[in-house]
Protein backbone atom coordinates (compact mmCIF):
# COMPACT_ATOMS: atom_id res chain seq x y z
CA MET A 1 -8.20 8.24 19.41
CA CYS A 2 -10.30 10.36 17.50
CA CYS A 3 -10.77 14.19 16.78
CA SER A 4 -13.42 17.01 15.48
CA TRP A 5 -14.65 16.89 11.76
CA ASN A 6 -16.11 19.23 9.53
CA LEU A 7 -18.31 19.07 6.52
CA GLN A 8 -19.16 21.31 3.83
CA LEU A 9 -21.01 21.79 0.72
CA VAL A 10 -19.50 24.72 -1.89
CA LEU A 11 -22.17 25.68 -4.12
CA GLY A 12 -20.49 28.66 -6.30
CA PHE A 13 -19.97 30.92 -3.15
CA HIS A 14 -22.21 29.85 -0.82
CA THR A 15 -20.64 27.58 2.05
CA LEU A 16 -23.30 25.09 4.04
CA THR A 17 -22.47 24.57 7.29
CA GLN A 18 -23.44 20.77 8.94
CA HIS A 19 -26.00 22.62 11.04
CA GLN A 20 -27.70 24.18 7.39
CA ILE A 21 -27.29 20.80 5.64
CA TYR A 22 -29.44 19.25 8.25
CA THR A 23 -32.31 21.72 7.80
CA LEU A 24 -32.39 20.25 4.61
CA PRO A 25 -36.00 21.14 3.38
CA VAL A 26 -35.31 25.31 3.81
CA ILE A 27 -32.79 24.76 1.15
CA ARG A 28 -33.40 22.13 -0.98
CA GLU A 29 -34.76 24.98 -3.95
CA LEU A 30 -31.29 26.47 -3.97
CA LEU A 31 -29.35 22.98 -4.02
CA LYS A 32 -31.38 21.91 -6.72
CA MET A 33 -30.25 24.90 -8.99
CA HIS A 34 -27.16 24.41 -8.22
CA MET A 35 -24.34 21.36 -9.15
CA PHE A 36 -21.98 21.30 -6.36
CA PHE A 37 -18.63 19.84 -4.82
CA TRP A 38 -19.19 18.06 -1.36
CA LEU A 39 -15.87 18.13 0.69
CA THR A 40 -15.26 16.09 3.68
CA GLY A 41 -12.72 14.83 5.87
CA LEU A 42 -12.58 11.95 8.77
CA LYS A 43 -16.39 11.32 9.94
CA GLY A 44 -18.08 14.01 8.48
CA PHE A 45 -18.78 11.32 5.72
CA HIS A 46 -19.01 8.66 8.07
CA ASN A 47 -21.61 9.99 9.34
CA THR A 48 -23.64 11.65 7.24
CA SER A 49 -27.14 10.92 6.50
CA ILE A 50 -28.45 13.02 3.72
CA GLU A 51 -30.79 11.75 0.96
CA ILE A 52 -28.33 12.25 -1.78
CA SER A 53 -30.55 11.30 -4.02
CA THR A 54 -32.70 14.34 -3.82
CA LEU A 55 -28.76 16.45 -4.53
CA LEU A 56 -27.28 17.30 -7.36
CA VAL A 57 -23.74 15.97 -5.80
CA LYS A 58 -21.45 15.67 -8.80
CA VAL A 59 -18.01 14.93 -7.22
CA MET A 60 -16.72 14.37 -4.05
CA GLN A 61 -13.87 14.68 -2.32
CA VAL A 62 -12.58 13.03 0.69
CA GLY A 63 -9.47 13.79 3.54
CA ASN A 64 -8.05 11.16 5.91
CA ALA A 65 -11.21 9.54 5.96
CA VAL A 66 -12.70 7.18 8.77
CA THR A 67 -14.10 4.38 6.05
CA ASP A 68 -14.29 0.79 7.22
CA ASP A 69 -13.74 -0.30 10.40
CA TYR A 70 -12.62 -3.14 9.92
CA HIS A 71 -9.64 -2.26 6.92
CA ASP A 72 -8.90 1.11 8.92
CA PHE A 73 -7.69 -0.88 12.14
CA ILE A 74 -5.59 -3.16 9.92
CA GLY A 75 -4.22 0.03 8.58
CA THR A 76 -3.55 1.69 11.28
CA PHE A 77 -1.94 -0.67 13.53
CA GLU A 78 0.15 -1.56 10.56
CA TYR A 79 1.13 2.08 10.29
CA TRP A 80 2.19 2.30 13.83
CA TRP A 81 4.02 -1.07 13.81
CA THR A 82 5.98 -0.29 10.63
CA HIS A 83 6.97 3.78 11.72
CA GLY A 84 8.38 1.89 15.31
CA LEU A 85 5.64 3.92 17.37
CA ILE A 86 4.56 0.36 18.74
CA SER A 87 6.17 -2.95 19.94
CA ASP A 88 5.47 -5.92 18.21
CA SER A 89 3.63 -7.66 21.00
CA THR A 90 1.16 -4.65 20.93
CA TYR A 91 1.24 -5.04 17.63
CA ARG A 92 -0.06 -8.64 17.92
CA SER A 93 -2.65 -8.11 21.00
CA LEU A 94 -3.97 -5.33 18.47
CA ARG A 95 -4.63 -7.12 15.42
CA VAL A 96 -6.17 -10.28 17.92
CA ALA A 97 -8.31 -7.62 20.08
CA CYS A 98 -9.37 -4.95 17.63
CA ASP A 99 -9.62 -6.62 13.87
CA LEU A 100 -13.38 -7.37 13.74
CA GLY A 101 -15.09 -4.74 16.56
CA SER A 102 -16.21 -1.11 16.15
CA SER A 103 -14.04 2.10 16.02
CA THR A 104 -16.44 3.74 17.97
CA HIS A 105 -17.62 1.58 20.57
CA PRO A 106 -14.61 -0.67 21.05
CA SER A 107 -14.45 -3.72 23.50
CA LEU A 108 -12.91 -3.90 26.68
CA GLN A 109 -9.79 -6.04 25.32
CA CYS A 110 -9.67 -3.63 22.57
CA MET A 111 -9.14 -1.03 24.67
CA ASN A 112 -6.84 -1.99 26.45
CA ALA A 113 -4.65 -2.76 23.79
CA LEU A 114 -5.03 0.93 22.39
CA ARG A 115 -3.94 2.00 25.97
CA ALA A 116 -0.63 0.36 25.58
CA ALA A 117 -0.16 1.30 22.17
CA GLN A 118 -1.17 4.89 23.33
CA ILE A 119 1.87 4.48 26.21
CA GLU A 120 3.96 3.16 23.93
CA GLN A 121 3.91 5.85 21.08
CA GLY A 122 4.92 8.57 24.07
CA ASN A 123 4.14 12.18 23.76
CA ILE A 124 3.60 12.48 20.30
CA ASP A 125 1.39 14.17 17.79
CA PRO A 126 -0.47 11.17 16.51
CA TYR A 127 -1.86 13.69 14.05
CA SER A 128 1.18 15.20 12.53
CA ILE A 129 3.77 12.34 14.15
CA PHE A 130 6.88 13.79 12.91
CA THR A 131 6.01 17.54 14.48
CA GLN A 132 6.66 18.62 17.85
CA PRO A 133 3.70 18.01 20.24
CA CYS A 134 2.26 21.42 21.74
CA LYS A 135 4.01 22.50 24.65
CA ASP A 136 3.79 25.85 26.18
CA THR A 137 4.27 28.29 23.19
CA SER A 138 6.98 30.55 24.07
CA THR A 139 9.13 27.15 24.76
CA LEU A 140 7.68 25.96 21.81
CA ARG A 141 9.01 28.81 19.55
CA HIS A 142 12.56 28.81 21.03
CA ASN A 143 12.96 25.58 20.70
CA MET A 144 11.97 25.95 16.89
CA ARG A 145 14.36 28.91 16.14
CA GLY A 146 16.76 27.80 13.71
CA HIS A 147 15.61 24.53 13.46
CA TYR A 148 12.26 24.07 12.36
CA PRO A 149 12.07 27.87 10.28
CA TRP A 150 8.88 26.95 8.37
CA MET A 151 7.18 25.67 11.56
CA SER A 152 6.87 29.07 12.85
CA ARG A 153 5.25 30.24 9.85
CA ALA A 154 2.99 27.52 8.62
CA TYR A 155 1.51 24.80 11.53
CA ASP A 156 1.66 25.56 15.30
CA PRO A 157 1.27 22.50 16.71
CA CYS A 158 -1.10 24.10 19.86
CA THR A 159 -3.78 25.06 17.78
CA GLU A 160 -6.28 22.48 18.77
CA ARG A 161 -5.44 24.07 22.28
CA TYR A 162 -6.08 27.49 21.19
CA SER A 163 -9.56 26.42 19.59
CA LYS A 164 -10.88 24.95 22.90
CA VAL A 165 -10.29 28.33 24.23
CA TYR A 166 -11.79 30.28 21.64
CA PHE A 167 -14.78 28.66 21.12
CA ASN A 168 -15.56 28.57 24.91
CA ARG A 169 -15.60 32.42 24.98
CA LEU A 170 -19.22 33.25 25.87
CA GLU A 171 -18.83 35.94 23.02
CA VAL A 172 -17.98 33.81 20.75
CA GLN A 173 -20.64 31.30 21.41
CA LYS A 174 -23.56 33.93 21.46
CA ALA A 175 -22.24 35.06 17.75
CA LEU A 176 -22.28 31.37 16.33
CA HIS A 177 -25.79 30.81 18.25
CA ALA A 178 -24.01 27.76 19.97
CA ASN A 179 -24.75 26.44 23.43
CA VAL A 180 -28.12 28.25 23.81
CA THR A 181 -28.94 25.22 26.17
CA ALA A 182 -26.49 26.40 28.29
CA LEU A 183 -24.81 22.98 28.76
CA SER A 184 -22.57 22.49 32.18
CA TYR A 185 -19.56 20.90 30.62
CA PRO A 186 -17.00 22.71 27.97
CA TRP A 187 -17.41 22.60 24.73
CA GLN A 188 -14.35 19.81 22.83
CA THR A 189 -12.67 19.67 19.58
CA CYS A 190 -13.55 15.42 20.12
CA SER A 191 -16.90 14.98 22.55
CA ASP A 192 -16.53 11.62 25.11
CA ILE A 193 -20.34 12.73 25.97
CA VAL A 194 -20.97 12.80 22.07
CA GLY A 195 -18.91 9.50 21.38
CA ASN A 196 -20.36 7.74 24.34
CA TYR A 197 -23.99 7.80 23.56
CA TRP A 198 -23.37 7.57 19.56
CA THR A 199 -25.36 4.06 18.74
CA ASP A 200 -26.16 4.33 14.85
CA ALA A 201 -22.33 4.81 13.53
CA PRO A 202 -21.84 2.21 10.62
CA LEU A 203 -19.00 -0.09 10.48
CA SER A 204 -18.46 0.80 6.48
CA MET A 205 -19.10 3.16 4.25
CA LEU A 206 -17.99 1.06 1.52
CA PRO A 207 -21.65 0.20 0.76
CA ILE A 208 -22.27 3.76 -0.44
CA TYR A 209 -18.76 4.40 -1.90
CA LYS A 210 -19.78 1.36 -4.68
CA GLU A 211 -23.35 3.23 -4.55
CA LEU A 212 -21.83 6.75 -5.53
CA ILE A 213 -19.60 5.53 -7.79
CA ALA A 214 -21.88 3.33 -9.68
CA ALA A 215 -24.19 6.66 -9.71
CA GLY A 216 -21.40 8.05 -11.90
CA LEU A 217 -20.01 10.30 -8.97
CA ARG A 218 -16.35 11.49 -9.31
CA ILE A 219 -14.83 10.63 -6.37
CA TRP A 220 -11.58 12.05 -5.12
CA VAL A 221 -9.63 10.55 -1.53
CA TYR A 222 -6.71 12.11 -0.15
CA SER A 223 -4.08 11.38 2.31
CA GLY A 224 -1.48 13.29 4.61
CA ASP A 225 1.65 10.62 5.01
CA THR A 226 2.58 11.71 8.51
CA ASP A 227 -0.96 10.99 9.96
CA ALA A 228 -1.05 8.41 12.58
CA VAL A 229 -4.98 8.80 13.30
CA VAL A 230 -6.67 7.46 9.85
CA PRO A 231 -3.15 6.91 8.03
CA VAL A 232 -2.50 6.39 4.67
CA THR A 233 -2.44 2.70 5.09
CA ALA A 234 -5.65 2.90 6.52
CA THR A 235 -6.83 4.85 3.36
CA ARG A 236 -5.41 2.29 0.68
CA TYR A 237 -6.65 -0.98 2.54
CA SER A 238 -10.58 0.53 2.72
CA ILE A 239 -9.83 1.32 -1.06
CA ASP A 240 -8.29 -1.81 -2.24
CA ALA A 241 -11.39 -3.26 -0.57
CA LEU A 242 -13.60 -1.59 -3.29
CA LYS A 243 -11.68 -3.86 -5.95
CA LEU A 244 -12.15 -1.11 -8.24
CA PRO A 245 -10.49 -1.46 -11.87
CA THR A 246 -6.80 0.64 -11.62
CA VAL A 247 -7.05 3.47 -14.66
CA ILE A 248 -3.60 4.86 -13.88
CA ASN A 249 -1.22 3.16 -11.75
CA TRP A 250 0.41 4.27 -8.87
CA TYR A 251 2.97 6.97 -9.71
CA PRO A 252 4.86 10.28 -8.05
CA TRP A 253 3.24 13.85 -8.69
CA TYR A 254 5.08 16.77 -8.45
CA ASP A 255 5.23 20.38 -6.77
CA ASN A 256 8.41 21.90 -8.47
CA GLY A 257 10.30 19.50 -9.16
CA LYS A 258 10.08 18.06 -6.04
CA VAL A 259 7.84 15.00 -5.26
CA GLY A 260 4.77 16.15 -3.72
CA GLY A 261 3.39 12.36 -3.24
CA TRP A 262 1.81 9.87 -5.10
CA SER A 263 -1.50 9.13 -6.57
CA GLN A 264 -3.34 6.24 -8.49
CA ALA A 265 -6.89 6.55 -10.63
CA TYR A 266 -9.41 3.93 -10.46
CA LYS A 267 -12.72 3.42 -11.70
CA GLY A 268 -14.97 5.83 -10.28
CA LEU A 269 -12.07 7.01 -7.52
CA THR A 270 -8.15 8.89 -7.42
CA LEU A 271 -6.17 8.33 -4.75
CA VAL A 272 -3.49 11.02 -3.67
CA THR A 273 -0.96 11.03 -1.05
CA VAL A 274 0.43 14.29 0.34
CA THR A 275 4.24 13.77 2.00
CA GLY A 276 5.53 15.25 4.93
CA ALA A 277 1.45 16.07 5.42
CA GLY A 278 -0.46 14.88 8.50
CA HIS A 279 -4.09 14.25 9.43
CA GLU A 280 -5.08 18.16 8.20
CA VAL A 281 -3.40 18.28 4.97
CA PRO A 282 -3.86 21.91 4.09
CA LEU A 283 -2.59 22.85 7.67
CA HIS A 284 0.68 21.21 7.22
CA ARG A 285 1.26 21.70 3.53
CA PRO A 286 -0.72 24.26 2.46
CA ARG A 287 1.20 24.50 -1.43
CA GLN A 288 0.58 20.77 -2.00
CA ALA A 289 -3.21 21.10 -1.32
CA PHE A 290 -3.98 24.22 -3.47
CA ILE A 291 -2.42 21.89 -6.48
CA LEU A 292 -4.13 18.62 -5.28
CA PHE A 293 -7.37 20.92 -4.81
CA ARG A 294 -7.03 22.81 -8.25
CA SER A 295 -6.40 19.15 -10.19
CA PHE A 296 -9.25 17.99 -8.69
CA LEU A 297 -11.50 21.24 -9.60
CA GLU A 298 -10.35 20.99 -13.08
CA ASN A 299 -10.30 16.84 -13.74
CA LYS A 300 -6.96 16.33 -14.44
CA LEU A 301 -4.21 14.48 -12.96
CA MET A 302 -1.60 15.39 -10.21
CA PRO A 303 1.17 16.59 -12.29
CA SER A 304 4.04 14.34 -13.06
């Protein structure tokens, strides 16, 4: 399983895309004039090779992100098993075949175990396991009528399908100055062509986390708890591997009297979960995501 990712640097009213970040010499002087926030998700942090010491990064927020292959594998397989998505035998096979491997280039044995797990999981949306997978839009809306009234307003599981159609339109690519070399294959949200030839993926970002925490960065990590791609258990195992002292123990946070998730504050890092949210927290739980982001910007604990 894989998915698209993005990285943004926010400087006042300036938002820098991944492409602009890689043209760092052009914007270096602008960056030196601002304190800014680093917001990233999935592999945005995992893939980024920026000389952080040259930038005035003060805080960082990471959502449902790949962090450490070993602990991510353990936590992901445990999530699948405890949520009844895979069998006992497949869980054991995954633990044996994949635990010490790379998530970007898994071994043949690991790939076979992952394929078995995918078959057992069936036709679900792994990015949000309790919502309906993408079907024909008209059929989906008919099925939701009267049963899931909030979903027709807030979440459309066919978003990825729409994005593939949209970003492959010639006029869109022209407007974005994309595909200027006229590639023979279409744009994908997750490209196997890129993934198969990606050879420098680090196995772990934990050393970078330690370096950033030691440098005094304020880091928040959040996780939607219905995501089976980079699940909350994977994030918790990875954070636990940092061996950070606990400042405030695990507690529920609230939105209008209802539990919005849970949080724990460590020395240098805060973990926040969002209940009922999938891989893309703002897409599934926009109100709770706003509360999370506001608390992050204000450097306050989640409301309890």
